[in-house]
Amino acid sequence: MSNDIQPNVARAPAAPAVLPAARAAEVQAHPRPPVENKPDPQEVRRKLQEASEHLNKQMTQNKRDLSFSVDEVANKVVLTVKNNKGEVVRQIPDEAALRVAQNLENVKGLMQDDKS
């Protein structure tokens, strides 16, 4: 029976991989795109408010009982449908969903305060 096990021989570390000249030129010619900046939350809120005001004007001109608003805490657009008497018939998202979103925002705020 032969012994196929080789003794532990010290090996030289592998040489680092070198990019071929053509690949190196390609990498330099196509730099990575810059990272996109996140939009300013105040600017987004302002634009949402402007859009809801514009939509409300259009609904009034068309004699529709729809109104748009922005929930400040949840930062969500709210659509309200009213009947002829001015009573709310339907709201999207409904009050329960808005309360859940607001509570989640409050919890996020508490978690961030604890980390700091």
PDB file of N, CA and C in Angstrom:
ATOM      1  N   MET A   1       0.831  -1.173   0.000  1.00  0.00           N
ATOM      2  CA  MET A   1       0.000   0.000   0.000  1.00  0.00           C
ATOM      3  C   MET A   1       0.878   1.240   0.000  1.00  0.00           C
ATOM      4  N   SER A   2       0.547   2.192  -0.860  1.00  0.00           N
ATOM      5  CA  SER A   2       1.378   3.382  -0.935  1.00  0.00           C
ATOM      6  C   SER A   2       0.730   4.507  -0.147  1.00  0.00           C
ATOM      7  N   ASN A   3       1.550   5.375   0.321  1.00  0.00           N
ATOM      8  CA  ASN A   3       1.092   6.518   1.084  1.00  0.00           C
ATOM      9  C   ASN A   3       0.996   7.719   0.156  1.00  0.00           C
ATOM     10  N   ASP A   4      -0.260   8.184  -0.140  1.00  0.00           N
ATOM     11  CA  ASP A   4      -0.455   9.301  -1.067  1.00  0.00           C
ATOM     12  C   ASP A   4      -0.418  10.651  -0.364  1.00  0.00           C
ATOM     13  N   ILE A   5      -0.256  10.669   0.923  1.00  0.00           N
ATOM     14  CA  ILE A   5      -0.259  11.917   1.667  1.00  0.00           C
ATOM     15  C   ILE A   5       1.096  12.580   1.520  1.00  0.00           C
ATOM     16  N   GLN A   6       1.086  13.824   1.099  1.00  0.00           N
ATOM     17  CA  GLN A   6       2.310  14.585   0.916  1.00  0.00           C
ATOM     18  C   GLN A   6       2.635  15.312   2.215  1.00  0.00           C
ATOM     19  N   PRO A   7       3.875  15.443   2.554  1.00  0.00           N
ATOM     20  CA  PRO A   7       4.231  16.201   3.754  1.00  0.00           C
ATOM     21  C   PRO A   7       3.868  17.673   3.555  1.00  0.00           C
ATOM     22  N   ASN A   8       3.595  18.360   4.661  1.00  0.00           N
ATOM     23  CA  ASN A   8       3.214  19.764   4.614  1.00  0.00           C
ATOM     24  C   ASN A   8       4.402  20.573   4.123  1.00  0.00           C
ATOM     25  N   VAL A   9       4.268  21.107   2.943  1.00  0.00           N
ATOM     26  CA  VAL A   9       5.336  21.881   2.328  1.00  0.00           C
ATOM     27  C   VAL A   9       4.919  23.341   2.368  1.00  0.00           C
ATOM     28  N   ALA A  10       5.816  24.174   2.837  1.00  0.00           N
ATOM     29  CA  ALA A  10       5.525  25.608   2.879  1.00  0.00           C
ATOM     30  C   ALA A  10       5.454  26.132   1.455  1.00  0.00           C
ATOM     31  N   ARG A  11       4.392  26.852   1.204  1.00  0.00           N
ATOM     32  CA  ARG A  11       4.213  27.402  -0.140  1.00  0.00           C
ATOM     33  C   ARG A  11       4.313  28.914  -0.071  1.00  0.00           C
ATOM     34  N   ALA A  12       4.811  29.485  -1.123  1.00  0.00           N
ATOM     35  CA  ALA A  12       4.916  30.937  -1.217  1.00  0.00           C
ATOM     36  C   ALA A  12       3.521  31.497  -1.445  1.00  0.00           C
ATOM     37  N   PRO A  13       3.197  32.646  -0.837  1.00  0.00           N
ATOM     38  CA  PRO A  13       1.872  33.238  -1.065  1.00  0.00           C
ATOM     39  C   PRO A  13       1.690  33.579  -2.532  1.00  0.00           C
ATOM     40  N   ALA A  14       0.447  33.457  -2.969  1.00  0.00           N
ATOM     41  CA  ALA A  14       0.132  33.743  -4.363  1.00  0.00           C
ATOM     42  C   ALA A  14       0.319  35.229  -4.636  1.00  0.00           C
ATOM     43  N   ALA A  15       0.790  35.521  -5.809  1.00  0.00           N
ATOM     44  CA  ALA A  15       1.000  36.909  -6.209  1.00  0.00           C
ATOM     45  C   ALA A  15      -0.361  37.568  -6.403  1.00  0.00           C
ATOM     46  N   PRO A  16      -0.507  38.841  -6.026  1.00  0.00           N
ATOM     47  CA  PRO A  16      -1.796  39.513  -6.208  1.00  0.00           C
ATOM     48  C   PRO A  16      -2.151  39.577  -7.683  1.00  0.00           C
ATOM     49  N   ALA A  17      -3.447  39.463  -7.943  1.00  0.00           N
ATOM     50  CA  ALA A  17      -3.912  39.514  -9.322  1.00  0.00           C
ATOM     51  C   ALA A  17      -3.694  40.919  -9.875  1.00  0.00           C
ATOM     52  N   VAL A  18      -3.176  40.969 -11.069  1.00  0.00           N
ATOM     53  CA  VAL A  18      -2.916  42.240 -11.729  1.00  0.00           C
ATOM     54  C   VAL A  18      -3.878  42.350 -12.902  1.00  0.00           C
ATOM     55  N   LEU A  19      -4.534  43.503 -12.999  1.00  0.00           N
ATOM     56  CA  LEU A  19      -5.430  43.718 -14.119  1.00  0.00           C
ATOM     57  C   LEU A  19      -4.633  43.901 -15.397  1.00  0.00           C
ATOM     58  N   PRO A  20      -5.074  43.271 -16.452  1.00  0.00           N
ATOM     59  CA  PRO A  20      -4.409  43.544 -17.729  1.00  0.00           C
ATOM     60  C   PRO A  20      -4.554  45.029 -18.066  1.00  0.00           C
ATOM     61  N   ALA A  21      -3.659  45.536 -18.851  1.00  0.00           N
ATOM     62  CA  ALA A  21      -3.636  46.958 -19.198  1.00  0.00           C
ATOM     63  C   ALA A  21      -4.959  47.398 -19.821  1.00  0.00           C
ATOM     64  N   ALA A  22      -5.555  46.556 -20.661  1.00  0.00           N
ATOM     65  CA  ALA A  22      -6.818  46.928 -21.312  1.00  0.00           C
ATOM     66  C   ALA A  22      -7.927  47.056 -20.270  1.00  0.00           C
ATOM     67  N   ARG A  23      -7.947  46.144 -19.301  1.00  0.00           N
ATOM     68  CA  ARG A  23      -8.987  46.195 -18.259  1.00  0.00           C
ATOM     69  C   ARG A  23      -8.772  47.412 -17.362  1.00  0.00           C
ATOM     70  N   ALA A  24      -7.552  47.716 -17.011  1.00  0.00           N
ATOM     71  CA  ALA A  24      -7.251  48.874 -16.172  1.00  0.00           C
ATOM     72  C   ALA A  24      -7.696  50.159 -16.874  1.00  0.00           C
ATOM     73  N   ALA A  25      -7.468  50.252 -18.172  1.00  0.00           N
ATOM     74  CA  ALA A  25      -7.879  51.434 -18.931  1.00  0.00           C
ATOM     75  C   ALA A  25      -9.407  51.538 -18.956  1.00  0.00           C
ATOM     76  N   GLU A  26     -10.082  50.373 -19.058  1.00  0.00           N
ATOM     77  CA  GLU A  26     -11.546  50.366 -19.079  1.00  0.00           C
ATOM     78  C   GLU A  26     -12.112  50.850 -17.742  1.00  0.00           C
ATOM     79  N   VAL A  27     -11.503  50.411 -16.644  1.00  0.00           N
ATOM     80  CA  VAL A  27     -11.964  50.820 -15.320  1.00  0.00           C
ATOM     81  C   VAL A  27     -11.789  52.324 -15.153  1.00  0.00           C
ATOM     82  N   GLN A  28     -10.679  52.866 -15.624  1.00  0.00           N
ATOM     83  CA  GLN A  28     -10.450  54.298 -15.507  1.00  0.00           C
ATOM     84  C   GLN A  28     -11.364  55.095 -16.437  1.00  0.00           C
ATOM     85  N   ALA A  29     -11.706  54.536 -17.589  1.00  0.00           N
ATOM     86  CA  ALA A  29     -12.545  55.239 -18.551  1.00  0.00           C
ATOM     87  C   ALA A  29     -13.997  55.286 -18.086  1.00  0.00           C
ATOM     88  N   HIS A  30     -14.434  54.324 -17.269  1.00  0.00           N
ATOM     89  CA  HIS A  30     -15.813  54.255 -16.806  1.00  0.00           C
ATOM     90  C   HIS A  30     -15.854  54.305 -15.283  1.00  0.00           C
ATOM     91  N   PRO A  31     -15.661  55.489 -14.720  1.00  0.00           N
ATOM     92  CA  PRO A  31     -15.705  55.569 -13.261  1.00  0.00           C
ATOM     93  C   PRO A  31     -17.122  55.305 -12.759  1.00  0.00           C
ATOM     94  N   ARG A  32     -17.235  54.941 -11.517  1.00  0.00           N
ATOM     95  CA  ARG A  32     -18.544  54.667 -10.927  1.00  0.00           C
ATOM     96  C   ARG A  32     -19.359  55.954 -10.874  1.00  0.00           C
ATOM     97  N   PRO A  33     -20.669  55.818 -11.095  1.00  0.00           N
ATOM     98  CA  PRO A  33     -21.507  57.023 -11.017  1.00  0.00           C
ATOM     99  C   PRO A  33     -21.539  57.528  -9.582  1.00  0.00           C
ATOM    100  N   PRO A  34     -21.681  58.832  -9.400  1.00  0.00           N
ATOM    101  CA  PRO A  34     -21.724  59.376  -8.039  1.00  0.00           C
ATOM    102  C   PRO A  34     -22.966  58.885  -7.306  1.00  0.00           C
ATOM    103  N   VAL A  35     -22.867  58.789  -6.013  1.00  0.00           N
ATOM    104  CA  VAL A  35     -23.984  58.353  -5.186  1.00  0.00           C
ATOM    105  C   VAL A  35     -25.038  59.459  -5.180  1.00  0.00           C
ATOM    106  N   GLU A  36     -26.304  59.047  -5.387  1.00  0.00           N
ATOM    107  CA  GLU A  36     -27.375  60.041  -5.417  1.00  0.00           C
ATOM    108  C   GLU A  36     -27.650  60.549  -4.011  1.00  0.00           C
ATOM    109  N   ASN A  37     -27.880  61.840  -3.920  1.00  0.00           N
ATOM    110  CA  ASN A  37     -28.233  62.437  -2.643  1.00  0.00           C
ATOM    111  C   ASN A  37     -29.713  62.223  -2.384  1.00  0.00           C
ATOM    112  N   LYS A  38     -30.067  62.014  -1.116  1.00  0.00           N
ATOM    113  CA  LYS A  38     -31.471  61.868  -0.757  1.00  0.00           C
ATOM    114  C   LYS A  38     -32.130  63.239  -0.802  1.00  0.00           C
ATOM    115  N   PRO A  39     -33.392  63.283  -1.230  1.00  0.00           N
ATOM    116  CA  PRO A  39     -34.074  64.583  -1.285  1.00  0.00           C
ATOM    117  C   PRO A  39     -34.292  65.136   0.117  1.00  0.00           C
ATOM    118  N   ASP A  40     -34.344  66.433   0.188  1.00  0.00           N
ATOM    119  CA  ASP A  40     -34.573  67.126   1.446  1.00  0.00           C
ATOM    120  C   ASP A  40     -36.014  66.886   1.890  1.00  0.00           C
ATOM    121  N   PRO A  41     -36.232  66.347   3.102  1.00  0.00           N
ATOM    122  CA  PRO A  41     -37.599  66.054   3.544  1.00  0.00           C
ATOM    123  C   PRO A  41     -38.502  67.286   3.577  1.00  0.00           C
ATOM    124  N   GLN A  42     -37.961  68.442   3.930  1.00  0.00           N
ATOM    125  CA  GLN A  42     -38.774  69.656   3.959  1.00  0.00           C
ATOM    126  C   GLN A  42     -39.203  70.059   2.558  1.00  0.00           C
ATOM    127  N   GLU A  43     -38.303  69.871   1.595  1.00  0.00           N
ATOM    128  CA  GLU A  43     -38.627  70.196   0.203  1.00  0.00           C
ATOM    129  C   GLU A  43     -39.706  69.247  -0.326  1.00  0.00           C
ATOM    130  N   VAL A  44     -39.594  67.969   0.017  1.00  0.00           N
ATOM    131  CA  VAL A  44     -40.601  66.990  -0.408  1.00  0.00           C
ATOM    132  C   VAL A  44     -41.947  67.330   0.201  1.00  0.00           C
ATOM    133  N   ARG A  45     -41.967  67.682   1.485  1.00  0.00           N
ATOM    134  CA  ARG A  45     -43.216  68.040   2.158  1.00  0.00           C
ATOM    135  C   ARG A  45     -43.839  69.285   1.514  1.00  0.00           C
ATOM    136  N   ARG A  46     -43.001  70.262   1.168  1.00  0.00           N
ATOM    137  CA  ARG A  46     -43.500  71.485   0.539  1.00  0.00           C
ATOM    138  C   ARG A  46     -44.134  71.169  -0.818  1.00  0.00           C
ATOM    139  N   LYS A  47     -43.479  70.308  -1.602  1.00  0.00           N
ATOM    140  CA  LYS A  47     -44.017  69.938  -2.910  1.00  0.00           C
ATOM    141  C   LYS A  47     -45.319  69.160  -2.774  1.00  0.00           C
ATOM    142  N   LEU A  48     -45.407  68.275  -1.774  1.00  0.00           N
ATOM    143  CA  LEU A  48     -46.655  67.550  -1.534  1.00  0.00           C
ATOM    144  C   LEU A  48     -47.783  68.511  -1.183  1.00  0.00           C
ATOM    145  N   GLN A  49     -47.470  69.491  -0.358  1.00  0.00           N
ATOM    146  CA  GLN A  49     -48.471  70.471   0.046  1.00  0.00           C
ATOM    147  C   GLN A  49     -48.952  71.279  -1.164  1.00  0.00           C
ATOM    148  N   GLU A  50     -48.017  71.693  -2.019  1.00  0.00           N
ATOM    149  CA  GLU A  50     -48.382  72.443  -3.225  1.00  0.00           C
ATOM    150  C   GLU A  50     -49.254  71.603  -4.153  1.00  0.00           C
ATOM    151  N   ALA A  51     -48.890  70.327  -4.314  1.00  0.00           N
ATOM    152  CA  ALA A  51     -49.663  69.440  -5.182  1.00  0.00           C
ATOM    153  C   ALA A  51     -51.075  69.240  -4.643  1.00  0.00           C
ATOM    154  N   SER A  52     -51.201  69.069  -3.328  1.00  0.00           N
ATOM    155  CA  SER A  52     -52.545  68.872  -2.756  1.00  0.00           C
ATOM    156  C   SER A  52     -53.381  70.136  -2.910  1.00  0.00           C
ATOM    157  N   GLU A  53     -52.782  71.316  -2.740  1.00  0.00           N
ATOM    158  CA  GLU A  53     -53.518  72.568  -2.936  1.00  0.00           C
ATOM    159  C   GLU A  53     -53.990  72.704  -4.381  1.00  0.00           C
ATOM    160  N   HIS A  54     -53.123  72.347  -5.327  1.00  0.00           N
ATOM    161  CA  HIS A  54     -53.474  72.417  -6.748  1.00  0.00           C
ATOM    162  C   HIS A  54     -54.639  71.464  -7.055  1.00  0.00           C
ATOM    163  N   LEU A  55     -54.573  70.240  -6.530  1.00  0.00           N
ATOM    164  CA  LEU A  55     -55.645  69.276  -6.762  1.00  0.00           C
ATOM    165  C   LEU A  55     -56.959  69.740  -6.128  1.00  0.00           C
ATOM    166  N   ASN A  56     -56.880  70.340  -4.954  1.00  0.00           N
ATOM    167  CA  ASN A  56     -58.097  70.854  -4.303  1.00  0.00           C
ATOM    168  C   ASN A  56     -58.752  71.943  -5.141  1.00  0.00           C
ATOM    169  N   LYS A  57     -57.950  72.824  -5.752  1.00  0.00           N
ATOM    170  CA  LYS A  57     -58.499  73.866  -6.622  1.00  0.00           C
ATOM    171  C   LYS A  57     -59.217  73.252  -7.818  1.00  0.00           C
ATOM    172  N   GLN A  58     -58.588  72.224  -8.409  1.00  0.00           N
ATOM    173  CA  GLN A  58     -59.205  71.569  -9.561  1.00  0.00           C
ATOM    174  C   GLN A  58     -60.507  70.875  -9.172  1.00  0.00           C
ATOM    175  N   MET A  59     -60.535  70.241  -8.007  1.00  0.00           N
ATOM    176  CA  MET A  59     -61.757  69.560  -7.563  1.00  0.00           C
ATOM    177  C   MET A  59     -62.872  70.562  -7.309  1.00  0.00           C
ATOM    178  N   THR A  60     -62.542  71.729  -6.767  1.00  0.00           N
ATOM    179  CA  THR A  60     -63.543  72.772  -6.526  1.00  0.00           C
ATOM    180  C   THR A  60     -64.086  73.294  -7.852  1.00  0.00           C
ATOM    181  N   GLN A  61     -63.218  73.513  -8.830  1.00  0.00           N
ATOM    182  CA  GLN A  61     -63.648  74.005 -10.136  1.00  0.00           C
ATOM    183  C   GLN A  61     -64.558  72.982 -10.828  1.00  0.00           C
ATOM    184  N   ASN A  62     -64.289  71.701 -10.627  1.00  0.00           N
ATOM    185  CA  ASN A  62     -65.088  70.640 -11.263  1.00  0.00           C
ATOM    186  C   ASN A  62     -66.294  70.237 -10.417  1.00  0.00           C
ATOM    187  N   LYS A  63     -66.504  70.952  -9.310  1.00  0.00           N
ATOM    188  CA  LYS A  63     -67.624  70.697  -8.394  1.00  0.00           C
ATOM    189  C   LYS A  63     -67.617  69.252  -7.890  1.00  0.00           C
ATOM    190  N   ARG A  64     -66.455  68.812  -7.479  1.00  0.00           N
ATOM    191  CA  ARG A  64     -66.297  67.478  -6.877  1.00  0.00           C
ATOM    192  C   ARG A  64     -66.055  67.649  -5.389  1.00  0.00           C
ATOM    193  N   ASP A  65     -66.607  66.746  -4.612  1.00  0.00           N
ATOM    194  CA  ASP A  65     -66.424  66.809  -3.164  1.00  0.00           C
ATOM    195  C   ASP A  65     -65.260  65.921  -2.735  1.00  0.00           C
ATOM    196  N   LEU A  66     -64.131  66.148  -3.342  1.00  0.00           N
ATOM    197  CA  LEU A  66     -62.895  65.451  -2.988  1.00  0.00           C
ATOM    198  C   LEU A  66     -61.920  66.487  -2.450  1.00  0.00           C
ATOM    199  N   SER A  67     -61.173  66.097  -1.431  1.00  0.00           N
ATOM    200  CA  SER A  67     -60.132  67.007  -0.955  1.00  0.00           C
ATOM    201  C   SER A  67     -58.873  66.204  -0.652  1.00  0.00           C
ATOM    202  N   PHE A  68     -57.753  66.831  -0.886  1.00  0.00           N
ATOM    203  CA  PHE A  68     -56.455  66.227  -0.662  1.00  0.00           C
ATOM    204  C   PHE A  68     -55.739  67.004   0.433  1.00  0.00           C
ATOM    205  N   SER A  69     -55.046  66.283   1.283  1.00  0.00           N
ATOM    206  CA  SER A  69     -54.241  66.925   2.319  1.00  0.00           C
ATOM    207  C   SER A  69     -53.037  66.048   2.599  1.00  0.00           C
ATOM    208  N   VAL A  70     -52.117  66.575   3.386  1.00  0.00           N
ATOM    209  CA  VAL A  70     -50.908  65.830   3.753  1.00  0.00           C
ATOM    210  C   VAL A  70     -50.897  65.693   5.260  1.00  0.00           C
ATOM    211  N   ASP A  71     -50.818  64.445   5.741  1.00  0.00           N
ATOM    212  CA  ASP A  71     -50.699  64.210   7.179  1.00  0.00           C
ATOM    213  C   ASP A  71     -49.263  64.536   7.565  1.00  0.00           C
ATOM    214  N   GLU A  72     -49.096  65.479   8.470  1.00  0.00           N
ATOM    215  CA  GLU A  72     -47.759  65.979   8.827  1.00  0.00           C
ATOM    216  C   GLU A  72     -46.907  64.941   9.537  1.00  0.00           C
ATOM    217  N   VAL A  73     -47.503  64.137  10.411  1.00  0.00           N
ATOM    218  CA  VAL A  73     -46.718  63.173  11.179  1.00  0.00           C
ATOM    219  C   VAL A  73     -46.341  61.973  10.317  1.00  0.00           C
ATOM    220  N   ALA A  74     -47.324  61.382   9.642  1.00  0.00           N
ATOM    221  CA  ALA A  74     -47.072  60.193   8.829  1.00  0.00           C
ATOM    222  C   ALA A  74     -46.490  60.548   7.467  1.00  0.00           C
ATOM    223  N   ASN A  75     -46.567  61.818   7.085  1.00  0.00           N
ATOM    224  CA  ASN A  75     -46.072  62.295   5.790  1.00  0.00           C
ATOM    225  C   ASN A  75     -46.738  61.538   4.637  1.00  0.00           C
ATOM    226  N   LYS A  76     -48.058  61.385   4.735  1.00  0.00           N
ATOM    227  CA  LYS A  76     -48.841  60.679   3.732  1.00  0.00           C
ATOM    228  C   LYS A  76     -49.883  61.618   3.151  1.00  0.00           C
ATOM    229  N   VAL A  77     -50.209  61.406   1.881  1.00  0.00           N
ATOM    230  CA  VAL A  77     -51.282  62.162   1.244  1.00  0.00           C
ATOM    231  C   VAL A  77     -52.601  61.503   1.638  1.00  0.00           C
ATOM    232  N   VAL A  78     -53.582  62.319   2.028  1.00  0.00           N
ATOM    233  CA  VAL A  78     -54.883  61.820   2.474  1.00  0.00           C
ATOM    234  C   VAL A  78     -55.951  62.337   1.517  1.00  0.00           C
ATOM    235  N   LEU A  79     -56.781  61.426   1.017  1.00  0.00           N
ATOM    236  CA  LEU A  79     -57.894  61.776   0.130  1.00  0.00           C
ATOM    237  C   LEU A  79     -59.182  61.645   0.925  1.00  0.00           C
ATOM    238  N   THR A  80     -60.008  62.688   0.916  1.00  0.00           N
ATOM    239  CA  THR A  80     -61.271  62.680   1.641  1.00  0.00           C
ATOM    240  C   THR A  80     -62.421  62.891   0.659  1.00  0.00           C
ATOM    241  N   VAL A  81     -63.425  62.005   0.733  1.00  0.00           N
ATOM    242  CA  VAL A  81     -64.626  62.112  -0.105  1.00  0.00           C
ATOM    243  C   VAL A  81     -65.771  62.525   0.809  1.00  0.00           C
ATOM    244  N   LYS A  82     -66.479  63.597   0.431  1.00  0.00           N
ATOM    245  CA  LYS A  82     -67.580  64.102   1.253  1.00  0.00           C
ATOM    246  C   LYS A  82     -68.893  64.021   0.480  1.00  0.00           C
ATOM    247  N   ASN A  83     -69.994  63.912   1.226  1.00  0.00           N
ATOM    248  CA  ASN A  83     -71.312  63.913   0.588  1.00  0.00           C
ATOM    249  C   ASN A  83     -71.809  65.348   0.435  1.00  0.00           C
ATOM    250  N   ASN A  84     -73.062  65.525  -0.003  1.00  0.00           N
ATOM    251  CA  ASN A  84     -73.625  66.859  -0.237  1.00  0.00           C
ATOM    252  C   ASN A  84     -73.713  67.696   1.029  1.00  0.00           C
ATOM    253  N   LYS A  85     -73.825  67.034   2.177  1.00  0.00           N
ATOM    254  CA  LYS A  85     -73.943  67.740   3.453  1.00  0.00           C
ATOM    255  C   LYS A  85     -72.583  68.109   4.036  1.00  0.00           C
ATOM    256  N   GLY A  86     -71.498  67.683   3.380  1.00  0.00           N
ATOM    257  CA  GLY A  86     -70.161  67.987   3.870  1.00  0.00           C
ATOM    258  C   GLY A  86     -69.625  66.961   4.851  1.00  0.00           C
ATOM    259  N   GLU A  87     -70.354  65.852   5.038  1.00  0.00           N
ATOM    260  CA  GLU A  87     -69.887  64.799   5.931  1.00  0.00           C
ATOM    261  C   GLU A  87     -68.917  63.886   5.190  1.00  0.00           C
ATOM    262  N   VAL A  88     -67.911  63.417   5.901  1.00  0.00           N
ATOM    263  CA  VAL A  88     -66.905  62.540   5.289  1.00  0.00           C
ATOM    264  C   VAL A  88     -67.530  61.178   5.028  1.00  0.00           C
ATOM    265  N   VAL A  89     -67.525  60.766   3.764  1.00  0.00           N
ATOM    266  CA  VAL A  89     -68.052  59.465   3.371  1.00  0.00           C
ATOM    267  C   VAL A  89     -66.935  58.429   3.379  1.00  0.00           C
ATOM    268  N   ARG A  90     -65.771  58.830   2.882  1.00  0.00           N
ATOM    269  CA  ARG A  90     -64.636  57.904   2.784  1.00  0.00           C
ATOM    270  C   ARG A  90     -63.358  58.699   2.886  1.00  0.00           C
ATOM    271  N   GLN A  91     -62.384  58.089   3.539  1.00  0.00           N
ATOM    272  CA  GLN A  91     -61.051  58.710   3.645  1.00  0.00           C
ATOM    273  C   GLN A  91     -60.022  57.643   3.326  1.00  0.00           C
ATOM    274  N   ILE A  92     -59.062  58.001   2.480  1.00  0.00           N
ATOM    275  CA  ILE A  92     -58.008  57.066   2.087  1.00  0.00           C
ATOM    276  C   ILE A  92     -56.667  57.718   2.367  1.00  0.00           C
ATOM    277  N   PRO A  93     -55.787  57.152   3.162  1.00  0.00           N
ATOM    278  CA  PRO A  93     -55.995  56.021   4.060  1.00  0.00           C
ATOM    279  C   PRO A  93     -56.924  56.416   5.197  1.00  0.00           C
ATOM    280  N   ASP A  94     -57.612  55.420   5.764  1.00  0.00           N
ATOM    281  CA  ASP A  94     -58.575  55.716   6.827  1.00  0.00           C
ATOM    282  C   ASP A  94     -57.865  56.123   8.118  1.00  0.00           C
ATOM    283  N   GLU A  95     -58.663  56.556   9.087  1.00  0.00           N
ATOM    284  CA  GLU A  95     -58.109  57.070  10.349  1.00  0.00           C
ATOM    285  C   GLU A  95     -57.244  56.026  11.059  1.00  0.00           C
ATOM    286  N   ALA A  96     -57.680  54.774  11.048  1.00  0.00           N
ATOM    287  CA  ALA A  96     -56.923  53.721  11.737  1.00  0.00           C
ATOM    288  C   ALA A  96     -55.537  53.556  11.116  1.00  0.00           C
ATOM    289  N   ALA A  97     -55.477  53.561   9.793  1.00  0.00           N
ATOM    290  CA  ALA A  97     -54.181  53.411   9.115  1.00  0.00           C
ATOM    291  C   ALA A  97     -53.283  54.615   9.405  1.00  0.00           C
ATOM    292  N   LEU A  98     -53.860  55.809   9.456  1.00  0.00           N
ATOM    293  CA  LEU A  98     -53.061  56.998   9.777  1.00  0.00           C
ATOM    294  C   LEU A  98     -52.523  56.934  11.207  1.00  0.00           C
ATOM    295  N   ARG A  99     -53.366  56.458  12.146  1.00  0.00           N
ATOM    296  CA  ARG A  99     -52.902  56.336  13.533  1.00  0.00           C
ATOM    297  C   ARG A  99     -51.753  55.348  13.643  1.00  0.00           C
ATOM    298  N   VAL A 100     -51.847  54.232  12.907  1.00  0.00           N
ATOM    299  CA  VAL A 100     -50.761  53.245  12.918  1.00  0.00           C
ATOM    300  C   VAL A 100     -49.486  53.868  12.362  1.00  0.00           C
ATOM    301  N   ALA A 101     -49.590  54.576  11.244  1.00  0.00           N
ATOM    302  CA  ALA A 101     -48.421  55.222  10.641  1.00  0.00           C
ATOM    303  C   ALA A 101     -47.827  56.267  11.584  1.00  0.00           C
ATOM    304  N   GLN A 102     -48.681  57.029  12.261  1.00  0.00           N
ATOM    305  CA  GLN A 102     -48.194  58.037  13.200  1.00  0.00           C
ATOM    306  C   GLN A 102     -47.498  57.380  14.387  1.00  0.00           C
ATOM    307  N   ASN A 103     -48.068  56.285  14.892  1.00  0.00           N
ATOM    308  CA  ASN A 103     -47.445  55.581  16.014  1.00  0.00           C
ATOM    309  C   ASN A 103     -46.099  54.992  15.613  1.00  0.00           C
ATOM    310  N   LEU A 104     -45.997  54.489  14.388  1.00  0.00           N
ATOM    311  CA  LEU A 104     -44.715  53.963  13.913  1.00  0.00           C
ATOM    312  C   LEU A 104     -43.672  55.073  13.839  1.00  0.00           C
ATOM    313  N   GLU A 105     -44.079  56.246  13.381  1.00  0.00           N
ATOM    314  CA  GLU A 105     -43.151  57.375  13.326  1.00  0.00           C
ATOM    315  C   GLU A 105     -42.688  57.756  14.732  1.00  0.00           C
ATOM    316  N   ASN A 106     -43.622  57.728  15.702  1.00  0.00           N
ATOM    317  CA  ASN A 106     -43.251  58.050  17.081  1.00  0.00           C
ATOM    318  C   ASN A 106     -42.274  57.026  17.643  1.00  0.00           C
ATOM    319  N   VAL A 107     -42.502  55.744  17.345  1.00  0.00           N
ATOM    320  CA  VAL A 107     -41.600  54.689  17.826  1.00  0.00           C
ATOM    321  C   VAL A 107     -40.229  54.849  17.191  1.00  0.00           C
ATOM    322  N   LYS A 108     -40.194  55.174  15.894  1.00  0.00           N
ATOM    323  CA  LYS A 108     -38.902  55.406  15.231  1.00  0.00           C
ATOM    324  C   LYS A 108     -38.152  56.529  15.918  1.00  0.00           C
ATOM    325  N   GLY A 109     -38.868  57.580  16.264  1.00  0.00           N
ATOM    326  CA  GLY A 109     -38.238  58.712  16.954  1.00  0.00           C
ATOM    327  C   GLY A 109     -37.683  58.303  18.300  1.00  0.00           C
ATOM    328  N   LEU A 110     -38.404  57.476  19.041  1.00  0.00           N
ATOM    329  CA  LEU A 110     -37.926  57.012  20.343  1.00  0.00           C
ATOM    330  C   LEU A 110     -36.690  56.143  20.185  1.00  0.00           C
ATOM    331  N   MET A 111     -36.697  55.284  19.173  1.00  0.00           N
ATOM    332  CA  MET A 111     -35.546  54.394  18.959  1.00  0.00           C
ATOM    333  C   MET A 111     -34.311  55.201  18.589  1.00  0.00           C
ATOM    334  N   GLN A 112     -34.479  56.233  17.783  1.00  0.00           N
ATOM    335  CA  GLN A 112     -33.340  57.056  17.394  1.00  0.00           C
ATOM    336  C   GLN A 112     -32.824  57.853  18.577  1.00  0.00           C
ATOM    337  N   ASP A 113     -33.703  58.314  19.466  1.00  0.00           N
ATOM    338  CA  ASP A 113     -33.272  59.052  20.651  1.00  0.00           C
ATOM    339  C   ASP A 113     -32.475  58.158  21.589  1.00  0.00           C
ATOM    340  N   ASP A 114     -32.879  56.888  21.715  1.00  0.00           N
ATOM    341  CA  ASP A 114     -32.162  55.962  22.591  1.00  0.00           C
ATOM    342  C   ASP A 114     -30.755  55.667  22.082  1.00  0.00           C
ATOM    343  N   LYS A 115     -30.576  55.640  20.761  1.00  0.00           N
ATOM    344  CA  LYS A 115     -29.264  55.331  20.181  1.00  0.00           C
ATOM    345  C   LYS A 115     -28.289  56.476  20.353  1.00  0.00           C
ATOM    346  N   SER A 116     -28.791  57.718  20.391  1.00  0.00           N
ATOM    347  CA  SER A 116     -27.892  58.858  20.459  1.00  0.00           C
ATOM    348  C   SER A 116     -27.390  59.137  21.837  1.00  0.00           C
TER     349      SER A 116
END
